[in-house]
Amino acid sequence: MVDIKLHYHTKQLVPFNTPHRFTVLSAGRRFGKTEGAKNWIINECFRNKKKRGLWIDVIYSNIDRYIERYFMPVIGKVCQFDKQKKIIRFPNKSYIDFKSADRPESMEGFGYDTWVLNEAGIILKNERLWYNTIKPMTIEGDSTGKFVGTPKGKNLFHKLALKGQDENEKDWAFFKYTSFDNPYLPPEEIKSLQYEMPELAYKQEILAEFTDTNGSVFQNPHKVFFGKPSAPSPQKTYSHGIDLAKHMDFTVHTVFDPQEKRVVHMERYNKVDWSVQIERIFNVCNDYSGYITIDCTGVGDPIFEALASRQLKVEGFHFTAQSKKALIDKLIIAIERQQISIPSEYKIYLTELENYEYEVTRAGNIRINAQSGYHDDCVISLALAIWKAPLTVMNHKDIWKDESVPRTIAARMTW
């Protein structure tokens, strides 16, 4: 007699014990979707002899980690794991094959009775992978499967979720849970993430919502485009943000008026010698007197030193994954709250803002960059220009009480 203990928390019980053939589970991070799916497929293989199981994940390197951390601690004493072939074999001749979406050629030619498509929000971005490779392996009449993941825009995972909600689709079911539905996670820790993540990321990663924006970082940026550039005023102190050209990129110099909360001047150029760039930057900074925040990562160091030697108030900004996130988060807030404005004629800013996106990497980290084929120099320059500018719209003691304040405000706000 094999005694295997499979533990579910309360909210896992329904989606992983439903009688439907196909289940779509949209769940927030750390809900326990992988743990629940693991329990389900183990149970299926133990209860039925010669059950052909399949577990599909995003990348090949994840497989050993999942098996060692999720499967073997539970069934290691009674099952065998062939590490080379990525197969777990059960005493009753059932088995689970482990395959990855980044090696689709390894999947074809087999059929399965029960299967889990893990991280479905990522894998189902590629509809061809599903229809041409995975689906043909799972079409046998009594096969059962689970689509488990966190949304990543409205891709095929979203389409299947709608199918699960269709009353006419008797074989399909859909369930949605947030990160708050895991009873083992402290709610206050999850709630704090709403003040540390962009609103779109929070909705998808924590609340498991399918969003229309498909990864766009800035929401409705066109609303901050109005007005015209203005000439320098000797009575004002301006804030400069400078993103320096690298390779085929552009150097962008943004001048921001912290009093009126608006961009008043910009310059954008590429393929210009460093010596000429230094003179152009110096002249603009002389006209619009104030303080400068400049990208001093890599090639920016000598430019930073040259400007500092001319007695300009310049501060270098070193880009790391953490510092970039903080920089972009402040710009997200400023645009969401319409705390800044950009002259209508500076359309290149709008193009870059609309094509700036985030994605969740296979390691689970959030990465933000321009879409392929677009630049992000204006975005970075603008973010640097407002980095030191106070953009508070209300007293910080009242911000927690105001429900109109987006979740992205909170602790990141400069008071």
Protein backbone atom coordinates (compact mmCIF):
# COMPACT_ATOMS: atom_id res chain seq x y z
CA MET A 1 0.00 0.00 0.00
CA VAL A 2 1.47 3.34 -1.11
CA ASP A 3 0.81 6.21 1.29
CA ILE A 4 1.25 9.53 -0.47
CA LYS A 5 0.13 12.73 1.25
CA LEU A 6 -1.04 15.45 -1.10
CA HIS A 7 -1.85 18.71 0.64
CA TYR A 8 -4.19 21.32 -0.83
CA HIS A 9 -5.17 24.60 0.74
CA THR A 10 -8.88 25.42 0.69
CA LYS A 11 -8.93 27.43 -2.54
CA GLN A 12 -6.92 24.80 -4.44
CA LEU A 13 -9.48 22.07 -3.85
CA VAL A 14 -12.09 23.18 -6.40
CA PRO A 15 -9.99 23.79 -9.56
CA PHE A 16 -7.90 20.67 -9.00
CA ASN A 17 -10.84 18.39 -8.22
CA THR A 18 -13.35 19.51 -10.83
CA PRO A 19 -14.87 16.74 -13.04
CA HIS A 20 -14.39 18.78 -16.23
CA ARG A 21 -11.95 17.45 -18.82
CA PHE A 22 -10.24 20.81 -19.34
CA THR A 23 -9.63 23.37 -16.63
CA VAL A 24 -8.27 26.88 -17.12
CA LEU A 25 -6.86 28.36 -13.91
CA SER A 26 -5.84 32.02 -13.86
CA ALA A 27 -4.10 32.74 -10.57
CA GLY A 28 -1.95 35.43 -9.02
CA ARG A 29 1.66 34.87 -8.05
CA ARG A 30 2.26 32.49 -5.16
CA PHE A 31 -1.35 31.32 -5.13
CA GLY A 32 -0.10 27.75 -5.23
CA LYS A 33 -1.03 26.86 -8.80
CA THR A 34 2.11 24.81 -9.47
CA GLU A 35 1.75 22.97 -6.16
CA GLY A 36 -1.90 22.19 -6.87
CA ALA A 37 -1.18 21.05 -10.43
CA LYS A 38 1.59 18.80 -9.16
CA ASN A 39 -0.78 17.19 -6.65
CA TRP A 40 -3.42 16.67 -9.32
CA ILE A 41 -1.21 14.94 -11.88
CA ILE A 42 0.44 12.75 -9.21
CA ASN A 43 -3.01 11.69 -8.02
CA GLU A 44 -4.11 10.90 -11.59
CA CYS A 45 -1.06 8.72 -12.17
CA PHE A 46 -1.36 6.85 -8.86
CA ARG A 47 -5.09 6.13 -9.23
CA ASN A 48 -4.83 4.77 -12.77
CA LYS A 49 -2.53 2.11 -14.14
CA LYS A 50 -0.41 2.92 -17.19
CA LYS A 51 -1.49 6.55 -17.12
CA ARG A 52 0.47 8.62 -19.63
CA GLY A 53 1.14 11.98 -18.02
CA LEU A 54 2.70 15.12 -19.48
CA TRP A 55 4.00 18.25 -17.76
CA ILE A 56 4.89 21.19 -20.04
CA ASP A 57 6.87 24.15 -18.78
CA VAL A 58 8.37 27.31 -20.25
CA ILE A 59 12.04 26.43 -20.41
CA TYR A 60 14.08 23.25 -20.18
CA SER A 61 16.18 24.48 -17.27
CA ASN A 62 13.07 24.75 -15.08
CA ILE A 63 12.26 21.07 -15.29
CA ASP A 64 14.91 19.61 -12.95
CA ARG A 65 14.13 22.31 -10.40
CA TYR A 66 10.39 21.54 -10.45
CA ILE A 67 10.96 17.81 -10.15
CA GLU A 68 13.45 18.14 -7.31
CA ARG A 69 11.46 20.74 -5.35
CA TYR A 70 7.85 19.76 -6.03
CA PHE A 71 7.67 16.11 -7.05
CA MET A 72 10.44 14.04 -5.49
CA PRO A 73 9.92 15.19 -1.87
CA VAL A 74 6.41 13.70 -2.16
CA ILE A 75 6.90 10.59 -4.31
CA GLY A 76 10.68 10.06 -4.27
CA LYS A 77 10.44 6.94 -2.08
CA VAL A 78 8.13 5.07 -4.44
CA CYS A 79 8.84 6.54 -7.89
CA GLN A 80 11.90 6.66 -10.10
CA PHE A 81 13.15 9.75 -11.89
CA ASP A 82 15.13 9.33 -15.09
CA LYS A 83 17.05 12.60 -15.10
CA GLN A 84 18.40 12.17 -18.61
CA LYS A 85 15.02 11.49 -20.23
CA LYS A 86 13.06 13.71 -17.79
CA ILE A 87 10.54 11.01 -16.87
CA ILE A 88 9.02 10.06 -13.51
CA ARG A 89 7.95 6.39 -13.46
CA PHE A 90 5.30 5.11 -11.05
CA PRO A 91 5.04 1.58 -9.58
CA ASN A 92 1.79 0.94 -11.53
CA LYS A 93 3.53 1.67 -14.87
CA SER A 94 2.13 5.18 -15.11
CA TYR A 95 4.59 7.90 -15.98
CA ILE A 96 4.97 11.67 -16.37
CA ASP A 97 7.03 13.09 -19.23
CA PHE A 98 8.44 16.58 -18.67
CA LYS A 99 8.77 18.78 -21.77
CA SER A 100 9.54 22.45 -22.39
CA ALA A 101 8.09 25.03 -24.76
CA ASP A 102 11.57 26.16 -25.78
CA ARG A 103 12.25 22.68 -27.21
CA PRO A 104 9.00 21.86 -29.04
CA GLU A 105 10.74 19.34 -31.29
CA SER A 106 11.10 17.01 -28.27
CA MET A 107 7.32 16.80 -27.78
CA GLU A 108 6.01 15.59 -31.12
CA GLY A 109 5.01 12.02 -31.85
CA PHE A 110 3.46 11.11 -28.49
CA GLY A 111 -0.02 10.92 -27.00
CA TYR A 112 -1.07 11.55 -23.40
CA ASP A 113 -4.01 10.83 -21.10
CA THR A 114 -3.46 13.58 -18.55
CA TRP A 115 -1.41 16.75 -18.77
CA VAL A 116 -0.54 20.11 -17.22
CA LEU A 117 0.39 23.20 -19.19
CA ASN A 118 2.25 25.20 -16.55
CA GLU A 119 2.83 28.98 -16.95
CA ALA A 120 0.13 28.97 -19.63
CA GLY A 121 0.06 32.77 -19.79
CA ILE A 122 3.61 32.70 -21.17
CA ILE A 123 3.51 29.52 -23.26
CA LEU A 124 0.21 30.40 -24.97
CA LYS A 125 1.61 33.66 -26.31
CA ASN A 126 2.70 31.39 -29.14
CA GLU A 127 -0.56 30.06 -30.60
CA ARG A 128 1.29 28.04 -33.20
CA LEU A 129 3.12 26.12 -30.46
CA TRP A 130 -0.24 25.12 -28.99
CA TYR A 131 -2.14 24.29 -32.17
CA ASN A 132 0.73 22.67 -34.09
CA THR A 133 2.66 20.90 -31.34
CA ILE A 134 0.92 20.52 -27.98
CA LYS A 135 -2.76 20.12 -28.87
CA PRO A 136 -2.24 17.12 -31.23
CA MET A 137 -0.70 15.21 -28.31
CA THR A 138 -3.77 15.74 -26.10
CA ILE A 139 -6.72 15.05 -28.42
CA GLU A 140 -7.44 11.47 -27.37
CA GLY A 141 -11.05 11.06 -26.34
CA ASP A 142 -10.67 10.78 -22.58
CA SER A 143 -7.60 12.92 -21.98
CA THR A 144 -7.81 15.54 -19.21
CA GLY A 145 -5.74 18.65 -18.78
CA LYS A 146 -5.08 21.80 -16.78
CA PHE A 147 -4.04 25.19 -18.19
CA VAL A 148 -2.38 26.87 -15.23
CA GLY A 149 -0.84 30.32 -15.18
CA THR A 150 -0.86 34.05 -14.57
CA PRO A 151 -2.25 36.27 -17.38
CA LYS A 152 0.12 37.97 -19.80
CA GLY A 153 -2.20 40.24 -21.76
CA LYS A 154 -5.06 38.82 -23.82
CA ASN A 155 -3.44 35.98 -25.70
CA LEU A 156 -4.61 32.39 -26.27
CA PHE A 157 -4.71 31.81 -22.51
CA HIS A 158 -7.41 34.48 -22.34
CA LYS A 159 -9.34 32.87 -25.22
CA LEU A 160 -9.32 29.52 -23.42
CA ALA A 161 -10.44 31.25 -20.21
CA LEU A 162 -13.46 32.61 -22.10
CA LYS A 163 -14.14 29.12 -23.38
CA GLY A 164 -14.11 27.87 -19.81
CA GLN A 165 -16.78 30.45 -18.94
CA ASP A 166 -19.04 29.47 -21.84
CA GLU A 167 -21.99 27.45 -20.55
CA ASN A 168 -22.20 25.61 -23.88
CA GLU A 169 -18.69 24.23 -23.44
CA LYS A 170 -19.57 21.37 -21.12
CA ASP A 171 -16.06 19.91 -21.01
CA TRP A 172 -14.46 23.19 -19.98
CA ALA A 173 -14.20 25.09 -16.67
CA PHE A 174 -12.55 28.35 -15.64
CA PHE A 175 -11.37 29.47 -12.22
CA LYS A 176 -9.69 32.68 -11.11
CA TYR A 177 -7.87 33.35 -7.84
CA THR A 178 -5.65 36.17 -6.64
CA SER A 179 -2.48 35.97 -4.58
CA PHE A 180 -4.63 36.91 -1.58
CA ASP A 181 -6.40 33.54 -1.90
CA ASN A 182 -3.37 31.67 -0.62
CA PRO A 183 -4.07 31.42 3.14
CA TYR A 184 -0.38 30.89 3.89
CA LEU A 185 0.71 34.29 2.56
CA PRO A 186 0.48 37.32 4.89
CA PRO A 187 -2.15 39.63 3.30
CA GLU A 188 -0.26 42.74 4.39
CA GLU A 189 2.82 41.59 2.48
CA ILE A 190 0.81 41.07 -0.70
CA LYS A 191 -0.98 44.38 -0.25
CA SER A 192 2.33 46.20 0.03
CA LEU A 193 3.13 45.13 -3.52
CA GLN A 194 0.45 47.45 -4.88
CA TYR A 195 2.69 50.33 -3.84
CA GLU A 196 5.84 48.78 -5.30
CA MET A 197 4.62 47.64 -8.72
CA PRO A 198 3.22 49.44 -11.76
CA GLU A 199 -0.58 49.23 -11.75
CA LEU A 200 -0.70 47.01 -14.82
CA ALA A 201 1.82 44.57 -13.35
CA TYR A 202 -0.13 44.47 -10.08
CA LYS A 203 -3.40 43.70 -11.87
CA GLN A 204 -1.88 40.86 -13.84
CA GLU A 205 0.64 39.34 -11.45
CA ILE A 206 -1.29 39.68 -8.18
CA LEU A 207 -4.98 40.02 -9.12
CA ALA A 208 -4.73 37.62 -12.10
CA GLU A 209 -6.63 39.97 -14.41
CA PHE A 210 -6.52 39.76 -18.19
CA THR A 211 -5.73 43.30 -19.34
CA ASP A 212 -6.15 44.96 -22.74
CA THR A 213 -2.79 46.68 -22.73
CA ASN A 214 -0.70 43.55 -23.32
CA GLY A 215 2.30 44.81 -21.42
CA SER A 216 2.22 48.57 -22.01
CA VAL A 217 3.89 50.35 -19.11
CA PHE A 218 2.30 53.80 -19.50
CA GLN A 219 -1.46 54.11 -19.46
CA ASN A 220 -3.06 56.81 -21.64
CA PRO A 221 0.13 58.88 -22.07
CA HIS A 222 -1.59 61.07 -24.70
CA LYS A 223 -3.47 62.82 -21.89
CA VAL A 224 -0.31 64.67 -20.79
CA PHE A 225 0.47 66.08 -24.24
CA PHE A 226 -0.60 69.70 -24.55
CA GLY A 227 0.90 73.19 -24.58
CA LYS A 228 4.06 74.47 -26.26
CA PRO A 229 7.79 74.73 -25.48
CA SER A 230 8.90 77.94 -23.79
CA ALA A 231 11.98 80.12 -23.73
CA PRO A 232 14.26 80.14 -20.66
CA SER A 233 13.49 82.44 -17.76
CA PRO A 234 16.36 83.73 -15.55
CA GLN A 235 14.01 83.62 -12.55
CA LYS A 236 13.50 79.86 -12.78
CA THR A 237 15.50 76.80 -11.85
CA TYR A 238 15.12 73.97 -14.37
CA SER A 239 15.66 70.25 -14.14
CA HIS A 240 17.60 68.54 -16.94
CA GLY A 241 17.52 64.88 -17.85
CA ILE A 242 20.12 63.60 -20.31
CA ASP A 243 20.22 60.13 -21.83
CA LEU A 244 23.40 59.67 -23.84
CA ALA A 245 23.59 57.88 -27.18
CA LYS A 246 25.01 54.39 -27.31
CA HIS A 247 25.67 52.76 -30.68
CA MET A 248 22.66 53.57 -32.89
CA ASP A 249 20.59 55.27 -30.17
CA PHE A 250 19.96 58.98 -29.73
CA THR A 251 21.18 61.44 -27.15
CA VAL A 252 18.08 63.10 -25.71
CA HIS A 253 18.20 66.20 -23.52
CA THR A 254 14.93 67.06 -21.74
CA VAL A 255 14.43 70.33 -19.84
CA PHE A 256 11.67 70.31 -17.23
CA ASP A 257 10.14 73.22 -15.32
CA PRO A 258 9.50 71.88 -11.77
CA GLN A 259 7.32 74.87 -10.87
CA GLU A 260 4.89 74.52 -13.74
CA LYS A 261 5.39 70.74 -13.98
CA ARG A 262 5.98 70.77 -17.73
CA VAL A 263 8.64 70.01 -20.30
CA VAL A 264 9.82 73.28 -21.85
CA HIS A 265 12.60 72.20 -24.20
CA MET A 266 14.14 69.08 -25.73
CA GLU A 267 16.98 68.16 -28.07
CA ARG A 268 17.51 64.82 -29.81
CA TYR A 269 20.42 63.83 -32.05
CA ASN A 270 22.68 60.92 -32.89
CA LYS A 271 26.01 60.18 -34.57
CA VAL A 272 27.49 63.36 -33.06
CA ASP A 273 31.03 63.44 -31.65
CA TRP A 274 31.30 63.53 -27.86
CA SER A 275 33.09 66.88 -27.96
CA VAL A 276 30.22 68.43 -29.93
CA GLN A 277 27.64 66.83 -27.63
CA ILE A 278 29.35 68.34 -24.58
CA GLU A 279 29.14 71.81 -26.12
CA ARG A 280 25.49 71.41 -27.07
CA ILE A 281 24.56 70.16 -23.59
CA PHE A 282 26.56 72.93 -21.94
CA ASN A 283 24.85 75.63 -24.00
CA VAL A 284 21.33 74.35 -23.18
CA CYS A 285 22.20 74.11 -19.49
CA ASN A 286 23.54 77.64 -19.55
CA ASP A 287 20.32 78.92 -21.11
CA TYR A 288 18.05 76.94 -18.79
CA SER A 289 19.91 77.28 -15.52
CA GLY A 290 19.33 74.50 -13.02
CA TYR A 291 20.42 71.02 -12.03
CA ILE A 292 21.23 68.05 -14.26
CA THR A 293 20.68 64.32 -13.91
CA ILE A 294 22.66 62.39 -16.49
CA ASP A 295 23.11 58.75 -17.33
CA CYS A 296 26.69 58.10 -16.26
CA THR A 297 26.66 54.36 -16.86
CA GLY A 298 29.45 53.21 -19.17
CA VAL A 299 30.12 55.81 -21.88
CA GLY A 300 28.38 58.48 -19.78
CA ASP A 301 31.25 58.80 -17.30
CA PRO A 302 33.52 61.11 -19.36
CA ILE A 303 30.56 63.33 -20.33
CA PHE A 304 29.56 63.59 -16.69
CA GLU A 305 33.11 64.56 -15.71
CA ALA A 306 33.37 67.13 -18.52
CA LEU A 307 30.13 68.83 -17.45
CA ALA A 308 31.06 68.76 -13.77
CA SER A 309 34.40 70.39 -14.57
CA ARG A 310 32.48 73.36 -16.02
CA GLN A 311 30.87 74.05 -12.65
CA LEU A 312 27.43 72.77 -13.66
CA LYS A 313 25.20 71.22 -11.00
CA VAL A 314 25.33 67.71 -12.36
CA GLU A 315 24.48 64.39 -10.73
CA GLY A 316 25.17 61.01 -12.30
CA PHE A 317 22.56 58.28 -12.41
CA HIS A 318 23.90 54.73 -12.43
CA PHE A 319 21.52 52.26 -14.06
CA THR A 320 20.89 48.94 -12.38
CA ALA A 321 17.75 46.79 -12.55
CA GLN A 322 16.67 48.27 -9.22
CA SER A 323 17.47 51.92 -9.95
CA LYS A 324 15.84 51.73 -13.39
CA LYS A 325 12.65 50.35 -11.86
CA ALA A 326 12.51 53.21 -9.34
CA LEU A 327 13.17 55.77 -12.10
CA ILE A 328 10.45 54.43 -14.41
CA ASP A 329 7.99 53.94 -11.53
CA LYS A 330 8.11 57.65 -10.75
CA LEU A 331 7.42 58.50 -14.39
CA ILE A 332 4.50 56.02 -14.44
CA ILE A 333 3.00 57.79 -11.43
CA ALA A 334 3.51 61.22 -12.96
CA ILE A 335 1.71 60.21 -16.14
CA GLU A 336 -1.08 58.28 -14.42
CA ARG A 337 -1.77 61.26 -12.16
CA GLN A 338 -1.21 63.74 -15.03
CA GLN A 339 1.28 65.57 -12.83
CA ILE A 340 3.39 66.63 -15.80
CA SER A 341 2.75 67.91 -19.32
CA ILE A 342 4.71 67.61 -22.56
CA PRO A 343 4.36 69.96 -25.55
CA SER A 344 2.11 68.50 -28.24
CA GLU A 345 4.76 68.95 -30.91
CA TYR A 346 7.15 66.56 -29.14
CA LYS A 347 5.42 63.54 -30.67
CA ILE A 348 8.51 61.37 -30.42
CA TYR A 349 7.95 61.18 -26.64
CA LEU A 350 4.42 59.83 -27.21
CA THR A 351 5.66 57.22 -29.67
CA GLU A 352 8.23 55.94 -27.21
CA LEU A 353 5.86 56.01 -24.23
CA GLU A 354 3.23 54.04 -26.13
CA ASN A 355 5.77 51.43 -27.18
CA TYR A 356 7.44 50.97 -23.82
CA GLU A 357 6.49 47.63 -22.35
CA TYR A 358 7.12 45.28 -19.51
CA GLU A 359 7.39 41.53 -19.51
CA VAL A 360 7.80 38.93 -16.82
CA THR A 361 10.95 36.92 -17.49
CA ARG A 362 11.15 33.18 -17.22
CA ALA A 363 12.86 33.65 -13.88
CA GLY A 364 9.80 35.60 -12.69
CA ASN A 365 11.37 39.05 -12.78
CA ILE A 366 9.77 42.11 -14.37
CA ARG A 367 11.79 43.62 -17.22
CA ILE A 368 10.93 46.98 -18.81
CA ASN A 369 12.21 48.11 -22.21
CA ALA A 370 11.19 49.55 -25.54
CA GLN A 371 9.44 47.17 -27.91
CA SER A 372 11.65 45.65 -30.57
CA GLY A 373 12.33 48.23 -33.28
CA TYR A 374 11.72 51.26 -31.04
CA HIS A 375 14.00 53.51 -28.99
CA ASP A 376 13.56 54.45 -25.34
CA ASP A 377 15.94 57.44 -25.16
CA CYS A 378 13.12 59.98 -24.76
CA VAL A 379 11.50 57.90 -22.01
CA ILE A 380 14.75 57.67 -20.05
CA SER A 381 15.61 61.35 -20.58
CA LEU A 382 12.14 62.41 -19.40
CA ALA A 383 12.36 60.13 -16.37
CA LEU A 384 15.77 61.58 -15.48
CA ALA A 385 14.43 65.13 -15.88
CA ILE A 386 11.64 64.61 -13.31
CA TRP A 387 13.69 62.35 -11.01
CA LYS A 388 14.56 65.14 -8.56
CA ALA A 389 11.40 67.18 -9.12
CA PRO A 390 8.78 67.19 -6.33
CA LEU A 391 5.48 66.08 -7.86
CA THR A 392 3.31 65.74 -4.76
CA VAL A 393 -0.36 66.54 -5.27
CA MET A 394 -1.56 66.10 -1.70
CA ASN A 395 -0.32 65.76 1.85
CA HIS A 396 1.17 62.30 2.39
CA LYS A 397 -1.00 61.79 5.50
CA ASP A 398 -4.10 61.99 3.33
CA ILE A 399 -2.95 59.82 0.46
CA TRP A 400 -3.95 56.56 2.13
CA LYS A 401 -7.51 57.87 2.59
CA ASP A 402 -8.06 58.99 -1.00
CA GLU A 403 -9.46 56.09 -3.06
CA SER A 404 -8.89 58.01 -6.29
CA VAL A 405 -5.13 57.73 -5.89
CA PRO A 406 -3.83 54.88 -8.08
CA ARG A 407 -2.21 51.94 -6.36
CA THR A 408 1.11 52.90 -7.90
CA ILE A 409 1.41 56.05 -5.76
CA ALA A 410 2.16 55.17 -2.13
CA ALA A 411 5.66 54.82 -0.80
CA ARG A 412 7.37 55.61 -4.10
CA MET A 413 5.98 59.15 -4.14
CA THR A 414 8.47 61.95 -3.56
CA TRP A 415 7.07 64.00 -0.67
